[in-house]
Every structure is written in structure tokens, then in C-alpha cells.
Amino acid sequence: MKNLKFYFTIGCIVLAANVFSQKKATYKQVGSKEVKGKISEYISENGTTFQVGDTLKVGVPFRNNQFSYLMDKTMAYLGEAVYLSPQSVGEMCVIKSMKTSQRNLYVTTYGEGESKALIISNFEEAFTSGEIEVPNLMNSDLALKELKKAKEKLDLELISQEEYNALKIELMKYIE
């Protein structure tokens, strides 16, 4: 009986350690509170993967020309919840840390030079609403723009039909 208790206790400790020290989490795992604490990689609802060290760009405010999820980190440390001003659009930042809590992913960033240091209160909402963007992330609009550029190059005989066809196949995956 003592051996059974010992193995049960060890099993519980290992399970708890795995839940609290997981380095990777998906949107579903965060929403179900399956993963808690610090992580180093996050896979969003649409499948985009984010890692500590990735560069982000401040997008456009979600509501009434006001940011809903992006707070100025410096002001937050001073005890004030100050959301970014619209003048921050286009500024770059780097993911410093990610933490899951209460069905949300909280992200802290740092900036270099004139870049922003942010606290993102709900990363998934900030990403889906466009408040946070990933530079050069392929989406439907960007894929269509790239395909049109390739068509112009084809018409100008700067690329071959084979090159155009290969690029078209690749880009069609993203076009809605």
C-alpha cells in the first residue's frame, strides 16, 4: 500500500510539473486552462505560431480610435493602465515573455530604439482585431497583392510562365 501511495504521489508531481512548465500552448489549451504559467511558444486559433523573440508591429486601434489590448509597459509599472495612443501605429516590438492566465495569453514586449515596450492584455484578441500584426505574415490580401505583382512581371517577361505558375500555386493557399 505504501508503494502505491508513493507512485501515486510521484505521478501527481510529474503531471503538475508538466502542466505548469509546458513551453508550448495552443489557443484551445489556453482557453480551457489546460496550460498555465509561462510559455515560450503559442499557436493562435488560426494556426499562426508566436515565439519569445518574435517581432511584432503595432497595428490599428480596434475601437473608436483607441487600443483595447495594448498598454504602455512603462506606465503600467508606474501603476497606471495607460493604453497606447494611435500615434504608436507601425512601431515595432519584440516578444519578451508569454504567460497564460484566466483563459487569456498575456504578452510582454520590449523595444529597441524608438520601439514600444508593451503589455498585451489579451494576445489572441489583439492579434485577431489587428491591434498587433506580424510583419510579412502572409494573408489573403498580401497573397493577392503578390500574385498581381507576379502577373505584371510575367506580362513584362521578367519571369517565366513556370515561375509564375509555381508562385500562383503557393499563394492560392492564402487567398480567400
C-alpha atoms as a PDB file:
ATOM      1  CA  MET A   1       0.000   0.000   0.000  1.00  0.00           C
ATOM      2  CA  LYS A   2       2.874   2.386   0.807  1.00  0.00           C
ATOM      3  CA  ASN A   3       4.379   1.737  -2.642  1.00  0.00           C
ATOM      4  CA  LEU A   4       1.047   2.581  -4.288  1.00  0.00           C
ATOM      5  CA  LYS A   5       0.842   5.892  -2.388  1.00  0.00           C
ATOM      6  CA  PHE A   6       4.450   6.663  -3.312  1.00  0.00           C
ATOM      7  CA  TYR A   7       3.885   6.066  -7.041  1.00  0.00           C
ATOM      8  CA  PHE A   8       0.586   7.970  -6.956  1.00  0.00           C
ATOM      9  CA  THR A   9       2.315  10.948  -5.319  1.00  0.00           C
ATOM     10  CA  ILE A  10       5.198  10.861  -7.813  1.00  0.00           C
ATOM     11  CA  GLY A  11       2.695  10.629 -10.689  1.00  0.00           C
ATOM     12  CA  CYS A  12       0.796  13.683  -9.432  1.00  0.00           C
ATOM     13  CA  ILE A  13       4.018  15.672  -9.065  1.00  0.00           C
ATOM     14  CA  VAL A  14       5.134  14.787 -12.600  1.00  0.00           C
ATOM     15  CA  LEU A  15       1.694  15.679 -14.018  1.00  0.00           C
ATOM     16  CA  ALA A  16       1.649  19.014 -12.185  1.00  0.00           C
ATOM     17  CA  ALA A  17       5.185  19.796 -13.334  1.00  0.00           C
ATOM     18  CA  ASN A  18       4.233  19.118 -16.952  1.00  0.00           C
ATOM     19  CA  VAL A  19       1.145  21.323 -16.767  1.00  0.00           C
ATOM     20  CA  PHE A  20       2.935  24.238 -15.122  1.00  0.00           C
ATOM     21  CA  SER A  21       6.198  24.082 -17.063  1.00  0.00           C
ATOM     22  CA  GLN A  22       4.908  23.455 -20.562  1.00  0.00           C
ATOM     23  CA  LYS A  23       6.802  25.540 -23.059  1.00  0.00           C
ATOM     24  CA  LYS A  24       4.199  25.441 -25.831  1.00  0.00           C
ATOM     25  CA  ALA A  25       0.466  26.115 -25.824  1.00  0.00           C
ATOM     26  CA  THR A  26      -2.324  26.270 -28.364  1.00  0.00           C
ATOM     27  CA  TYR A  27      -5.313  28.604 -28.415  1.00  0.00           C
ATOM     28  CA  LYS A  28      -7.518  25.714 -27.280  1.00  0.00           C
ATOM     29  CA  GLN A  29      -5.214  24.795 -24.378  1.00  0.00           C
ATOM     30  CA  VAL A  30      -5.121  28.389 -23.147  1.00  0.00           C
ATOM     31  CA  GLY A  31      -8.909  28.753 -23.418  1.00  0.00           C
ATOM     32  CA  SER A  32      -9.546  25.549 -21.466  1.00  0.00           C
ATOM     33  CA  LYS A  33      -6.924  26.451 -18.827  1.00  0.00           C
ATOM     34  CA  GLU A  34      -5.115  23.212 -19.704  1.00  0.00           C
ATOM     35  CA  VAL A  35      -1.801  25.079 -19.749  1.00  0.00           C
ATOM     36  CA  LYS A  36      -0.899  27.572 -17.050  1.00  0.00           C
ATOM     37  CA  GLY A  37       2.052  29.832 -16.453  1.00  0.00           C
ATOM     38  CA  LYS A  38       4.947  30.883 -18.656  1.00  0.00           C
ATOM     39  CA  ILE A  39       5.301  29.501 -22.160  1.00  0.00           C
ATOM     40  CA  SER A  40       7.783  30.147 -24.936  1.00  0.00           C
ATOM     41  CA  GLU A  41       5.603  29.266 -27.941  1.00  0.00           C
ATOM     42  CA  TYR A  42       1.938  29.948 -28.705  1.00  0.00           C
ATOM     43  CA  ILE A  43      -0.156  28.666 -31.610  1.00  0.00           C
ATOM     44  CA  SER A  44      -3.096  31.001 -32.283  1.00  0.00           C
ATOM     45  CA  GLU A  45      -6.603  29.961 -33.296  1.00  0.00           C
ATOM     46  CA  ASN A  46      -5.770  30.425 -36.991  1.00  0.00           C
ATOM     47  CA  GLY A  47      -2.546  28.411 -36.684  1.00  0.00           C
ATOM     48  CA  THR A  48      -0.038  31.272 -36.577  1.00  0.00           C
ATOM     49  CA  THR A  49       2.871  30.399 -34.280  1.00  0.00           C
ATOM     50  CA  PHE A  50       4.411  33.012 -31.993  1.00  0.00           C
ATOM     51  CA  GLN A  51       7.619  32.558 -30.020  1.00  0.00           C
ATOM     52  CA  VAL A  52       9.571  34.561 -27.496  1.00  0.00           C
ATOM     53  CA  GLY A  53      11.889  36.719 -29.599  1.00  0.00           C
ATOM     54  CA  ASP A  54       9.428  37.234 -32.483  1.00  0.00           C
ATOM     55  CA  THR A  55       8.980  40.757 -33.801  1.00  0.00           C
ATOM     56  CA  LEU A  56       5.521  42.316 -33.756  1.00  0.00           C
ATOM     57  CA  LYS A  57       4.159  45.519 -35.239  1.00  0.00           C
ATOM     58  CA  VAL A  58       1.590  47.789 -33.608  1.00  0.00           C
ATOM     59  CA  GLY A  59      -1.481  47.672 -35.843  1.00  0.00           C
ATOM     60  CA  VAL A  60      -4.546  49.902 -35.813  1.00  0.00           C
ATOM     61  CA  PRO A  61      -6.773  50.589 -32.796  1.00  0.00           C
ATOM     62  CA  PHE A  62      -9.723  48.231 -32.602  1.00  0.00           C
ATOM     63  CA  ARG A  63     -12.458  50.518 -31.217  1.00  0.00           C
ATOM     64  CA  ASN A  64     -13.144  54.220 -31.621  1.00  0.00           C
ATOM     65  CA  ASN A  65      -9.547  55.064 -32.463  1.00  0.00           C
ATOM     66  CA  GLN A  66      -8.481  53.602 -29.080  1.00  0.00           C
ATOM     67  CA  PHE A  67      -6.414  50.499 -28.384  1.00  0.00           C
ATOM     68  CA  SER A  68      -8.268  47.895 -26.336  1.00  0.00           C
ATOM     69  CA  TYR A  69      -5.489  45.396 -25.586  1.00  0.00           C
ATOM     70  CA  LEU A  70      -2.162  47.254 -25.812  1.00  0.00           C
ATOM     71  CA  MET A  71      -0.860  49.051 -22.738  1.00  0.00           C
ATOM     72  CA  ASP A  72       2.305  51.084 -22.366  1.00  0.00           C
ATOM     73  CA  LYS A  73       4.582  48.937 -20.206  1.00  0.00           C
ATOM     74  CA  THR A  74       6.373  51.893 -18.610  1.00  0.00           C
ATOM     75  CA  MET A  75       3.125  53.454 -17.434  1.00  0.00           C
ATOM     76  CA  ALA A  76       1.810  50.081 -16.200  1.00  0.00           C
ATOM     77  CA  TYR A  77       4.854  49.708 -13.963  1.00  0.00           C
ATOM     78  CA  LEU A  78       4.087  53.135 -12.546  1.00  0.00           C
ATOM     79  CA  GLY A  79       0.648  51.835 -11.581  1.00  0.00           C
ATOM     80  CA  GLU A  80      -1.323  53.373 -14.433  1.00  0.00           C
ATOM     81  CA  ALA A  81      -3.221  51.339 -17.013  1.00  0.00           C
ATOM     82  CA  VAL A  82      -2.488  53.568 -19.988  1.00  0.00           C
ATOM     83  CA  TYR A  83      -3.449  52.188 -23.370  1.00  0.00           C
ATOM     84  CA  LEU A  84      -1.369  53.132 -26.376  1.00  0.00           C
ATOM     85  CA  SER A  85      -2.180  56.229 -28.338  1.00  0.00           C
ATOM     86  CA  PRO A  86      -2.987  55.992 -32.054  1.00  0.00           C
ATOM     87  CA  GLN A  87       0.380  57.612 -32.785  1.00  0.00           C
ATOM     88  CA  SER A  88       2.001  54.254 -31.952  1.00  0.00           C
ATOM     89  CA  VAL A  89       0.680  52.591 -35.123  1.00  0.00           C
ATOM     90  CA  GLY A  90       3.512  50.978 -37.071  1.00  0.00           C
ATOM     91  CA  GLU A  91       6.004  50.807 -34.207  1.00  0.00           C
ATOM     92  CA  MET A  92       7.884  47.545 -33.699  1.00  0.00           C
ATOM     93  CA  CYS A  93       8.411  45.452 -30.584  1.00  0.00           C
ATOM     94  CA  VAL A  94       9.767  42.011 -29.669  1.00  0.00           C
ATOM     95  CA  ILE A  95       8.037  39.374 -27.541  1.00  0.00           C
ATOM     96  CA  LYS A  96       9.860  39.189 -24.209  1.00  0.00           C
ATOM     97  CA  SER A  97       7.583  36.788 -22.318  1.00  0.00           C
ATOM     98  CA  MET A  98       4.253  34.984 -22.587  1.00  0.00           C
ATOM     99  CA  LYS A  99       2.066  33.842 -19.720  1.00  0.00           C
ATOM    100  CA  THR A 100      -1.293  32.085 -19.690  1.00  0.00           C
ATOM    101  CA  SER A 101      -3.828  33.052 -17.065  1.00  0.00           C
ATOM    102  CA  GLN A 102      -7.607  33.072 -16.779  1.00  0.00           C
ATOM    103  CA  ARG A 103      -8.158  31.730 -20.326  1.00  0.00           C
ATOM    104  CA  ASN A 104      -6.012  34.504 -21.829  1.00  0.00           C
ATOM    105  CA  LEU A 105      -2.473  34.843 -23.065  1.00  0.00           C
ATOM    106  CA  TYR A 106      -0.632  37.868 -21.699  1.00  0.00           C
ATOM    107  CA  VAL A 107       2.421  39.028 -23.621  1.00  0.00           C
ATOM    108  CA  THR A 108       5.119  41.455 -22.562  1.00  0.00           C
ATOM    109  CA  THR A 109       7.341  43.028 -25.187  1.00  0.00           C
ATOM    110  CA  TYR A 110      10.424  45.177 -25.235  1.00  0.00           C
ATOM    111  CA  GLY A 111      11.566  47.705 -27.716  1.00  0.00           C
ATOM    112  CA  GLU A 112      14.844  48.801 -29.162  1.00  0.00           C
ATOM    113  CA  GLY A 113      15.465  52.408 -30.048  1.00  0.00           C
ATOM    114  CA  GLU A 114      12.080  54.005 -30.551  1.00  0.00           C
ATOM    115  CA  SER A 115      10.202  50.705 -30.409  1.00  0.00           C
ATOM    116  CA  LYS A 116       7.441  50.122 -27.902  1.00  0.00           C
ATOM    117  CA  ALA A 117       7.580  48.157 -24.688  1.00  0.00           C
ATOM    118  CA  LEU A 118       4.051  46.809 -24.264  1.00  0.00           C
ATOM    119  CA  ILE A 119       1.847  44.693 -22.105  1.00  0.00           C
ATOM    120  CA  ILE A 120      -0.733  42.942 -24.277  1.00  0.00           C
ATOM    121  CA  SER A 121      -3.655  42.028 -22.032  1.00  0.00           C
ATOM    122  CA  ASN A 122      -5.296  39.505 -24.370  1.00  0.00           C
ATOM    123  CA  PHE A 123      -2.948  38.478 -27.148  1.00  0.00           C
ATOM    124  CA  GLU A 124      -5.424  36.453 -29.224  1.00  0.00           C
ATOM    125  CA  GLU A 125      -7.911  39.356 -29.339  1.00  0.00           C
ATOM    126  CA  ALA A 126      -5.142  41.857 -30.059  1.00  0.00           C
ATOM    127  CA  PHE A 127      -3.979  39.686 -32.970  1.00  0.00           C
ATOM    128  CA  THR A 128      -7.407  38.924 -34.457  1.00  0.00           C
ATOM    129  CA  SER A 129      -8.584  42.536 -34.119  1.00  0.00           C
ATOM    130  CA  GLY A 130      -5.477  43.856 -35.901  1.00  0.00           C
ATOM    131  CA  GLU A 131      -4.037  45.754 -32.937  1.00  0.00           C
ATOM    132  CA  ILE A 132      -0.962  43.533 -33.247  1.00  0.00           C
ATOM    133  CA  GLU A 133       0.402  42.473 -36.613  1.00  0.00           C
ATOM    134  CA  VAL A 134       3.158  40.147 -37.682  1.00  0.00           C
ATOM    135  CA  PRO A 135       5.429  41.822 -40.232  1.00  0.00           C
ATOM    136  CA  ASN A 136       5.337  39.951 -43.553  1.00  0.00           C
ATOM    137  CA  LEU A 137       2.779  37.391 -42.330  1.00  0.00           C
ATOM    138  CA  MET A 138       1.101  36.014 -45.417  1.00  0.00           C
ATOM    139  CA  ASN A 139      -2.656  36.613 -45.511  1.00  0.00           C
ATOM    140  CA  SER A 140      -5.295  36.814 -48.222  1.00  0.00           C
ATOM    141  CA  ASP A 141      -4.723  40.488 -49.081  1.00  0.00           C
ATOM    142  CA  LEU A 142      -0.946  40.183 -49.132  1.00  0.00           C
ATOM    143  CA  ALA A 143      -1.082  36.977 -51.214  1.00  0.00           C
ATOM    144  CA  LEU A 144      -3.383  38.634 -53.765  1.00  0.00           C
ATOM    145  CA  LYS A 145      -1.067  41.644 -53.968  1.00  0.00           C
ATOM    146  CA  GLU A 146       1.951  39.366 -54.502  1.00  0.00           C
ATOM    147  CA  LEU A 147       0.107  37.403 -57.196  1.00  0.00           C
ATOM    148  CA  LYS A 148      -0.783  40.619 -59.049  1.00  0.00           C
ATOM    149  CA  LYS A 149       2.862  41.697 -58.913  1.00  0.00           C
ATOM    150  CA  ALA A 150       3.904  38.332 -60.295  1.00  0.00           C
ATOM    151  CA  LYS A 151       1.364  38.655 -63.119  1.00  0.00           C
ATOM    152  CA  GLU A 152       2.805  42.040 -64.048  1.00  0.00           C
ATOM    153  CA  LYS A 153       6.301  40.515 -64.066  1.00  0.00           C
ATOM    154  CA  LEU A 154       5.038  37.695 -66.280  1.00  0.00           C
ATOM    155  CA  ASP A 155       3.431  40.184 -68.692  1.00  0.00           C
ATOM    156  CA  LEU A 156       6.715  42.112 -68.812  1.00  0.00           C
ATOM    157  CA  GLU A 157       8.539  38.813 -69.411  1.00  0.00           C
ATOM    158  CA  LEU A 158      10.628  39.270 -66.264  1.00  0.00           C
ATOM    159  CA  ILE A 159       9.682  35.787 -65.038  1.00  0.00           C
ATOM    160  CA  SER A 160       8.755  32.620 -66.897  1.00  0.00           C
ATOM    161  CA  GLN A 161       5.300  31.030 -67.069  1.00  0.00           C
ATOM    162  CA  GLU A 162       6.636  28.153 -64.948  1.00  0.00           C
ATOM    163  CA  GLU A 163       7.850  30.545 -62.222  1.00  0.00           C
ATOM    164  CA  TYR A 164       4.500  32.320 -62.253  1.00  0.00           C
ATOM    165  CA  ASN A 165       2.559  29.036 -62.058  1.00  0.00           C
ATOM    166  CA  ALA A 166       4.648  27.802 -59.116  1.00  0.00           C
ATOM    167  CA  LEU A 167       4.154  31.071 -57.241  1.00  0.00           C
ATOM    168  CA  LYS A 168       0.429  31.035 -58.013  1.00  0.00           C
ATOM    169  CA  ILE A 169       0.037  27.545 -56.551  1.00  0.00           C
ATOM    170  CA  GLU A 170       1.845  28.648 -53.390  1.00  0.00           C
ATOM    171  CA  LEU A 171      -0.148  31.884 -52.970  1.00  0.00           C
ATOM    172  CA  MET A 172      -3.562  30.360 -53.686  1.00  0.00           C
ATOM    173  CA  LYS A 173      -3.381  28.631 -50.296  1.00  0.00           C
ATOM    174  CA  TYR A 174      -3.826  32.018 -48.637  1.00  0.00           C
ATOM    175  CA  ILE A 175      -6.361  33.686 -50.925  1.00  0.00           C
ATOM    176  CA  GLU A 176      -9.934  33.531 -49.660  1.00  0.00           C
END
